[in-house]
């Protein structure tokens, strides 16, 4: 049994105001842990969001994203 907590696991964060909803991060994610929000941001885009489980911290979403600062990969 593992003693790892959610704090110990990799994750990713999307800056909803910078995301334009292009879905490139969704296309490259090997774990399919990114989805498109139903809500609109202030620029009227549907931003991506992390579904909250199973991110490996690989960074593919970060490198695929054309918007500087829109995605941040968090590694413990």
PDB file of N, CA and C in Angstrom:
ATOM      1  N   UNK A   1       0.837  -1.176   0.000  1.00  0.00           N
ATOM      2  CA  UNK A   1       0.000   0.000   0.000  1.00  0.00           C
ATOM      3  C   UNK A   1       0.884   1.243   0.000  1.00  0.00           C
ATOM      4  N   UNK A   2       0.520   2.238  -0.795  1.00  0.00           N
ATOM      5  CA  UNK A   2       1.318   3.444  -0.942  1.00  0.00           C
ATOM      6  C   UNK A   2       0.915   4.507   0.073  1.00  0.00           C
ATOM      7  N   UNK A   3       1.915   5.262   0.523  1.00  0.00           N
ATOM      8  CA  UNK A   3       1.663   6.378   1.429  1.00  0.00           C
ATOM      9  C   UNK A   3       1.621   7.703   0.681  1.00  0.00           C
ATOM     10  N   UNK A   4       1.602   7.654  -0.630  1.00  0.00           N
ATOM     11  CA  UNK A   4       1.600   8.878  -1.430  1.00  0.00           C
ATOM     12  C   UNK A   4       0.257   9.579  -1.322  1.00  0.00           C
ATOM     13  N   UNK A   5       0.314  10.880  -1.236  1.00  0.00           N
ATOM     14  CA  UNK A   5      -0.909  11.687  -1.209  1.00  0.00           C
ATOM     15  C   UNK A   5      -1.002  12.477  -2.496  1.00  0.00           C
ATOM     16  N   UNK A   6      -2.113  13.163  -2.694  1.00  0.00           N
ATOM     17  CA  UNK A   6      -2.302  13.972  -3.897  1.00  0.00           C
ATOM     18  C   UNK A   6      -1.213  15.032  -4.019  1.00  0.00           C
ATOM     19  N   UNK A   7      -0.686  15.499  -2.905  1.00  0.00           N
ATOM     20  CA  UNK A   7       0.375  16.501  -2.922  1.00  0.00           C
ATOM     21  C   UNK A   7       1.654  15.922  -3.509  1.00  0.00           C
ATOM     22  N   UNK A   8       1.869  14.627  -3.358  1.00  0.00           N
ATOM     23  CA  UNK A   8       3.076  13.974  -3.847  1.00  0.00           C
ATOM     24  C   UNK A   8       3.020  13.626  -5.328  1.00  0.00           C
ATOM     25  N   UNK A   9       1.874  13.745  -5.949  1.00  0.00           N
ATOM     26  CA  UNK A   9       1.692  13.305  -7.327  1.00  0.00           C
ATOM     27  C   UNK A   9       1.822  14.458  -8.307  1.00  0.00           C
ATOM     28  N   UNK A  10       2.310  14.185  -9.515  1.00  0.00           N
ATOM     29  CA  UNK A  10       2.367  15.229 -10.530  1.00  0.00           C
ATOM     30  C   UNK A  10       0.960  15.670 -10.922  1.00  0.00           C
ATOM     31  N   UNK A  11       0.881  16.874 -11.416  1.00  0.00           N
ATOM     32  CA  UNK A  11      -0.390  17.385 -11.932  1.00  0.00           C
ATOM     33  C   UNK A  11      -0.086  18.479 -12.938  1.00  0.00           C
ATOM     34  N   UNK A  12      -1.121  19.032 -13.501  1.00  0.00           N
ATOM     35  CA  UNK A  12      -0.948  20.165 -14.398  1.00  0.00           C
ATOM     36  C   UNK A  12      -2.012  21.190 -14.058  1.00  0.00           C
ATOM     37  N   UNK A  13      -1.719  22.439 -14.390  1.00  0.00           N
ATOM     38  CA  UNK A  13      -2.661  23.523 -14.143  1.00  0.00           C
ATOM     39  C   UNK A  13      -2.844  24.311 -15.428  1.00  0.00           C
ATOM     40  N   UNK A  14      -4.071  24.733 -15.678  1.00  0.00           N
ATOM     41  CA  UNK A  14      -4.375  25.548 -16.847  1.00  0.00           C
ATOM     42  C   UNK A  14      -4.784  26.931 -16.365  1.00  0.00           C
ATOM     43  N   UNK A  15      -4.157  27.955 -16.910  1.00  0.00           N
ATOM     44  CA  UNK A  15      -4.596  29.321 -16.659  1.00  0.00           C
ATOM     45  C   UNK A  15      -5.789  29.547 -17.582  1.00  0.00           C
ATOM     46  N   UNK A  16      -6.975  29.516 -17.023  1.00  0.00           N
ATOM     47  CA  UNK A  16      -8.199  29.569 -17.825  1.00  0.00           C
ATOM     48  C   UNK A  16      -8.324  30.848 -18.641  1.00  0.00           C
ATOM     49  N   UNK A  17      -7.714  31.925 -18.186  1.00  0.00           N
ATOM     50  CA  UNK A  17      -7.806  33.183 -18.929  1.00  0.00           C
ATOM     51  C   UNK A  17      -6.878  33.210 -20.139  1.00  0.00           C
ATOM     52  N   UNK A  18      -5.802  32.444 -20.107  1.00  0.00           N
ATOM     53  CA  UNK A  18      -4.873  32.400 -21.237  1.00  0.00           C
ATOM     54  C   UNK A  18      -5.223  31.316 -22.250  1.00  0.00           C
ATOM     55  N   UNK A  19      -5.940  30.295 -21.818  1.00  0.00           N
ATOM     56  CA  UNK A  19      -6.283  29.166 -22.688  1.00  0.00           C
ATOM     57  C   UNK A  19      -7.327  29.569 -23.719  1.00  0.00           C
ATOM     58  N   UNK A  20      -7.066  29.198 -24.976  1.00  0.00           N
ATOM     59  CA  UNK A  20      -8.002  29.481 -26.067  1.00  0.00           C
ATOM     60  C   UNK A  20      -8.772  28.245 -26.510  1.00  0.00           C
ATOM     61  N   UNK A  21      -8.641  27.160 -25.775  1.00  0.00           N
ATOM     62  CA  UNK A  21      -9.427  25.965 -26.064  1.00  0.00           C
ATOM     63  C   UNK A  21      -9.084  25.267 -27.361  1.00  0.00           C
ATOM     64  N   UNK A  22      -7.837  25.341 -27.790  1.00  0.00           N
ATOM     65  CA  UNK A  22      -7.442  24.724 -29.067  1.00  0.00           C
ATOM     66  C   UNK A  22      -7.433  23.195 -29.000  1.00  0.00           C
ATOM     67  N   UNK A  23      -7.365  22.639 -27.806  1.00  0.00           N
ATOM     68  CA  UNK A  23      -7.402  21.202 -27.539  1.00  0.00           C
ATOM     69  C   UNK A  23      -6.126  20.447 -27.903  1.00  0.00           C
ATOM     70  N   UNK A  24      -5.060  21.153 -28.222  1.00  0.00           N
ATOM     71  CA  UNK A  24      -3.802  20.465 -28.530  1.00  0.00           C
ATOM     72  C   UNK A  24      -3.292  19.690 -27.325  1.00  0.00           C
ATOM     73  N   UNK A  25      -3.480  20.246 -26.131  1.00  0.00           N
ATOM     74  CA  UNK A  25      -3.051  19.540 -24.916  1.00  0.00           C
ATOM     75  C   UNK A  25      -3.842  18.251 -24.726  1.00  0.00           C
ATOM     76  N   UNK A  26      -5.109  18.295 -25.050  1.00  0.00           N
ATOM     77  CA  UNK A  26      -5.970  17.115 -24.938  1.00  0.00           C
ATOM     78  C   UNK A  26      -5.507  16.036 -25.912  1.00  0.00           C
ATOM     79  N   UNK A  27      -5.176  16.452 -27.123  1.00  0.00           N
ATOM     80  CA  UNK A  27      -4.750  15.507 -28.155  1.00  0.00           C
ATOM     81  C   UNK A  27      -3.460  14.772 -27.793  1.00  0.00           C
ATOM     82  N   UNK A  28      -2.538  15.442 -27.098  1.00  0.00           N
ATOM     83  CA  UNK A  28      -1.243  14.815 -26.810  1.00  0.00           C
ATOM     84  C   UNK A  28      -1.167  14.118 -25.458  1.00  0.00           C
ATOM     85  N   UNK A  29      -2.137  14.329 -24.601  1.00  0.00           N
ATOM     86  CA  UNK A  29      -2.073  13.751 -23.251  1.00  0.00           C
ATOM     87  C   UNK A  29      -2.208  12.226 -23.303  1.00  0.00           C
ATOM     88  N   UNK A  30      -1.165  11.489 -22.882  1.00  0.00           N
ATOM     89  CA  UNK A  30      -1.227  10.026 -22.950  1.00  0.00           C
ATOM     90  C   UNK A  30      -2.190   9.402 -21.935  1.00  0.00           C
ATOM     91  N   UNK A  31      -2.561  10.147 -20.904  1.00  0.00           N
ATOM     92  CA  UNK A  31      -3.460   9.631 -19.870  1.00  0.00           C
ATOM     93  C   UNK A  31      -4.887  10.168 -19.999  1.00  0.00           C
ATOM     94  N   UNK A  32      -5.127  11.026 -20.965  1.00  0.00           N
ATOM     95  CA  UNK A  32      -6.466  11.612 -21.193  1.00  0.00           C
ATOM     96  C   UNK A  32      -7.040  12.243 -19.928  1.00  0.00           C
ATOM     97  N   UNK A  33      -6.234  13.089 -19.282  1.00  0.00           N
ATOM     98  CA  UNK A  33      -6.668  13.723 -18.035  1.00  0.00           C
ATOM     99  C   UNK A  33      -6.986  15.211 -18.200  1.00  0.00           C
ATOM    100  N   UNK A  34      -7.134  15.654 -19.444  1.00  0.00           N
ATOM    101  CA  UNK A  34      -7.467  17.049 -19.718  1.00  0.00           C
ATOM    102  C   UNK A  34      -8.760  17.075 -20.515  1.00  0.00           C
ATOM    103  N   UNK A  35      -9.628  18.005 -20.185  1.00  0.00           N
ATOM    104  CA  UNK A  35     -10.916  18.133 -20.866  1.00  0.00           C
ATOM    105  C   UNK A  35     -11.190  19.610 -21.146  1.00  0.00           C
ATOM    106  N   UNK A  36     -12.230  19.864 -21.922  1.00  0.00           N
ATOM    107  CA  UNK A  36     -12.651  21.234 -22.229  1.00  0.00           C
ATOM    108  C   UNK A  36     -13.821  21.606 -21.332  1.00  0.00           C
ATOM    109  N   UNK A  37     -13.734  22.788 -20.769  1.00  0.00           N
ATOM    110  CA  UNK A  37     -14.767  23.284 -19.865  1.00  0.00           C
ATOM    111  C   UNK A  37     -16.024  23.692 -20.629  1.00  0.00           C
ATOM    112  N   UNK A  38     -17.147  23.554 -19.972  1.00  0.00           N
ATOM    113  CA  UNK A  38     -18.416  24.034 -20.529  1.00  0.00           C
ATOM    114  C   UNK A  38     -18.505  25.554 -20.414  1.00  0.00           C
ATOM    115  N   UNK A  39     -17.834  26.112 -19.406  1.00  0.00           N
ATOM    116  CA  UNK A  39     -17.924  27.556 -19.188  1.00  0.00           C
ATOM    117  C   UNK A  39     -16.956  28.310 -20.093  1.00  0.00           C
ATOM    118  N   UNK A  40     -17.240  29.576 -20.297  1.00  0.00           N
ATOM    119  CA  UNK A  40     -16.409  30.442 -21.125  1.00  0.00           C
ATOM    120  C   UNK A  40     -15.498  31.283 -20.242  1.00  0.00           C
ATOM    121  N   UNK A  41     -14.310  31.582 -20.758  1.00  0.00           N
ATOM    122  CA  UNK A  41     -13.447  32.523 -20.048  1.00  0.00           C
ATOM    123  C   UNK A  41     -13.797  33.943 -20.504  1.00  0.00           C
ATOM    124  N   UNK A  42     -13.069  34.942 -20.042  1.00  0.00           N
ATOM    125  CA  UNK A  42     -13.412  36.335 -20.358  1.00  0.00           C
ATOM    126  C   UNK A  42     -13.237  36.674 -21.836  1.00  0.00           C
ATOM    127  N   UNK A  43     -12.480  35.845 -22.570  1.00  0.00           N
ATOM    128  CA  UNK A  43     -12.295  36.056 -24.008  1.00  0.00           C
ATOM    129  C   UNK A  43     -13.266  35.206 -24.830  1.00  0.00           C
ATOM    130  N   UNK A  44     -14.225  34.584 -24.163  1.00  0.00           N
ATOM    131  CA  UNK A  44     -15.262  33.751 -24.795  1.00  0.00           C
ATOM    132  C   UNK A  44     -14.741  32.450 -25.394  1.00  0.00           C
ATOM    133  N   UNK A  45     -13.682  31.909 -24.792  1.00  0.00           N
ATOM    134  CA  UNK A  45     -13.173  30.593 -25.175  1.00  0.00           C
ATOM    135  C   UNK A  45     -13.577  29.579 -24.110  1.00  0.00           C
ATOM    136  N   UNK A  46     -13.713  28.334 -24.516  1.00  0.00           N
ATOM    137  CA  UNK A  46     -13.921  27.230 -23.578  1.00  0.00           C
ATOM    138  C   UNK A  46     -12.527  26.708 -23.213  1.00  0.00           C
ATOM    139  N   UNK A  47     -12.015  27.028 -22.035  1.00  0.00           N
ATOM    140  CA  UNK A  47     -10.657  26.612 -21.683  1.00  0.00           C
ATOM    141  C   UNK A  47     -10.564  25.134 -21.311  1.00  0.00           C
ATOM    142  N   UNK A  48      -9.368  24.614 -21.427  1.00  0.00           N
ATOM    143  CA  UNK A  48      -9.090  23.249 -20.977  1.00  0.00           C
ATOM    144  C   UNK A  48      -8.982  23.250 -19.461  1.00  0.00           C
ATOM    145  N   UNK A  49      -9.134  22.070 -18.862  1.00  0.00           N
ATOM    146  CA  UNK A  49      -8.919  21.931 -17.423  1.00  0.00           C
ATOM    147  C   UNK A  49      -8.433  20.520 -17.118  1.00  0.00           C
ATOM    148  N   UNK A  50      -7.733  20.401 -16.000  1.00  0.00           N
ATOM    149  CA  UNK A  50      -7.224  19.112 -15.519  1.00  0.00           C
ATOM    150  C   UNK A  50      -8.348  18.407 -14.782  1.00  0.00           C
ATOM    151  N   UNK A  51      -8.605  17.162 -15.133  1.00  0.00           N
ATOM    152  CA  UNK A  51      -9.707  16.418 -14.524  1.00  0.00           C
ATOM    153  C   UNK A  51      -9.393  15.940 -13.110  1.00  0.00           C
ATOM    154  N   UNK A  52      -8.133  16.026 -12.711  1.00  0.00           N
ATOM    155  CA  UNK A  52      -7.791  15.762 -11.327  1.00  0.00           C
ATOM    156  C   UNK A  52      -7.256  14.397 -10.973  1.00  0.00           C
ATOM    157  N   UNK A  53      -6.860  13.598 -11.940  1.00  0.00           N
ATOM    158  CA  UNK A  53      -6.347  12.271 -11.606  1.00  0.00           C
ATOM    159  C   UNK A  53      -5.410  11.742 -12.685  1.00  0.00           C
ATOM    160  N   UNK A  54      -4.389  11.018 -12.237  1.00  0.00           N
ATOM    161  CA  UNK A  54      -3.519  10.218 -13.106  1.00  0.00           C
ATOM    162  C   UNK A  54      -2.509  10.972 -13.971  1.00  0.00           C
ATOM    163  N   UNK A  55      -2.275  12.251 -13.742  1.00  0.00           N
ATOM    164  CA  UNK A  55      -1.244  12.964 -14.499  1.00  0.00           C
ATOM    165  C   UNK A  55       0.111  12.351 -14.163  1.00  0.00           C
ATOM    166  N   UNK A  56       0.946  12.153 -15.187  1.00  0.00           N
ATOM    167  CA  UNK A  56       2.284  11.601 -14.966  1.00  0.00           C
ATOM    168  C   UNK A  56       3.349  12.693 -14.899  1.00  0.00           C
ATOM    169  N   UNK A  57       2.974  13.918 -15.234  1.00  0.00           N
ATOM    170  CA  UNK A  57       3.929  15.013 -15.246  1.00  0.00           C
ATOM    171  C   UNK A  57       4.846  14.988 -16.453  1.00  0.00           C
ATOM    172  N   UNK A  58       4.438  14.330 -17.524  1.00  0.00           N
ATOM    173  CA  UNK A  58       5.288  14.165 -18.708  1.00  0.00           C
ATOM    174  C   UNK A  58       5.587  15.485 -19.423  1.00  0.00           C
ATOM    175  N   UNK A  59       4.688  16.467 -19.320  1.00  0.00           N
ATOM    176  CA  UNK A  59       4.919  17.766 -19.935  1.00  0.00           C
ATOM    177  C   UNK A  59       4.494  17.896 -21.382  1.00  0.00           C
ATOM    178  N   UNK A  60       3.931  16.852 -21.967  1.00  0.00           N
ATOM    179  CA  UNK A  60       3.524  16.941 -23.371  1.00  0.00           C
ATOM    180  C   UNK A  60       2.497  18.054 -23.589  1.00  0.00           C
ATOM    181  N   UNK A  61       1.597  18.236 -22.649  1.00  0.00           N
ATOM    182  CA  UNK A  61       0.591  19.298 -22.762  1.00  0.00           C
ATOM    183  C   UNK A  61       1.266  20.667 -22.787  1.00  0.00           C
ATOM    184  N   UNK A  62       2.238  20.855 -21.920  1.00  0.00           N
ATOM    185  CA  UNK A  62       2.980  22.116 -21.835  1.00  0.00           C
ATOM    186  C   UNK A  62       3.659  22.438 -23.165  1.00  0.00           C
ATOM    187  N   UNK A  63       4.322  21.443 -23.747  1.00  0.00           N
ATOM    188  CA  UNK A  63       5.046  21.662 -24.997  1.00  0.00           C
ATOM    189  C   UNK A  63       4.122  21.809 -26.202  1.00  0.00           C
ATOM    190  N   UNK A  64       2.949  21.221 -26.157  1.00  0.00           N
ATOM    191  CA  UNK A  64       2.006  21.329 -27.273  1.00  0.00           C
ATOM    192  C   UNK A  64       1.253  22.655 -27.270  1.00  0.00           C
ATOM    193  N   UNK A  65       1.160  23.288 -26.123  1.00  0.00           N
ATOM    194  CA  UNK A  65       0.356  24.504 -25.979  1.00  0.00           C
ATOM    195  C   UNK A  65       1.008  25.701 -26.675  1.00  0.00           C
ATOM    196  N   UNK A  66       0.273  26.365 -27.584  1.00  0.00           N
ATOM    197  CA  UNK A  66       0.820  27.528 -28.277  1.00  0.00           C
ATOM    198  C   UNK A  66       0.736  28.824 -27.464  1.00  0.00           C
ATOM    199  N   UNK A  67       0.063  28.797 -26.328  1.00  0.00           N
ATOM    200  CA  UNK A  67      -0.117  30.002 -25.515  1.00  0.00           C
ATOM    201  C   UNK A  67       0.869  30.027 -24.347  1.00  0.00           C
ATOM    202  N   UNK A  68       1.860  30.914 -24.388  1.00  0.00           N
ATOM    203  CA  UNK A  68       2.833  30.988 -23.291  1.00  0.00           C
ATOM    204  C   UNK A  68       2.145  31.237 -21.946  1.00  0.00           C
ATOM    205  N   UNK A  69       2.480  30.408 -20.979  1.00  0.00           N
ATOM    206  CA  UNK A  69       1.942  30.572 -19.638  1.00  0.00           C
ATOM    207  C   UNK A  69       0.583  29.963 -19.382  1.00  0.00           C
ATOM    208  N   UNK A  70      -0.027  29.370 -20.393  1.00  0.00           N
ATOM    209  CA  UNK A  70      -1.372  28.813 -20.210  1.00  0.00           C
ATOM    210  C   UNK A  70      -1.355  27.488 -19.459  1.00  0.00           C
ATOM    211  N   UNK A  71      -0.271  26.728 -19.576  1.00  0.00           N
ATOM    212  CA  UNK A  71      -0.183  25.425 -18.901  1.00  0.00           C
ATOM    213  C   UNK A  71       1.077  25.374 -18.048  1.00  0.00           C
ATOM    214  N   UNK A  72       0.907  24.836 -16.869  1.00  0.00           N
ATOM    215  CA  UNK A  72       2.030  24.627 -15.951  1.00  0.00           C
ATOM    216  C   UNK A  72       1.966  23.192 -15.459  1.00  0.00           C
ATOM    217  N   UNK A  73       3.084  22.485 -15.567  1.00  0.00           N
ATOM    218  CA  UNK A  73       3.169  21.115 -15.055  1.00  0.00           C
ATOM    219  C   UNK A  73       3.781  21.191 -13.659  1.00  0.00           C
ATOM    220  N   UNK A  74       3.115  20.558 -12.712  1.00  0.00           N
ATOM    221  CA  UNK A  74       3.554  20.585 -11.314  1.00  0.00           C
ATOM    222  C   UNK A  74       4.108  19.210 -10.957  1.00  0.00           C
ATOM    223  N   UNK A  75       5.391  19.185 -10.624  1.00  0.00           N
ATOM    224  CA  UNK A  75       6.025  17.924 -10.214  1.00  0.00           C
ATOM    225  C   UNK A  75       6.445  18.055  -8.762  1.00  0.00           C
ATOM    226  N   UNK A  76       6.131  17.048  -7.956  1.00  0.00           N
ATOM    227  CA  UNK A  76       6.488  17.113  -6.526  1.00  0.00           C
ATOM    228  C   UNK A  76       7.994  17.087  -6.309  1.00  0.00           C
TER     229      UNK A  76
END
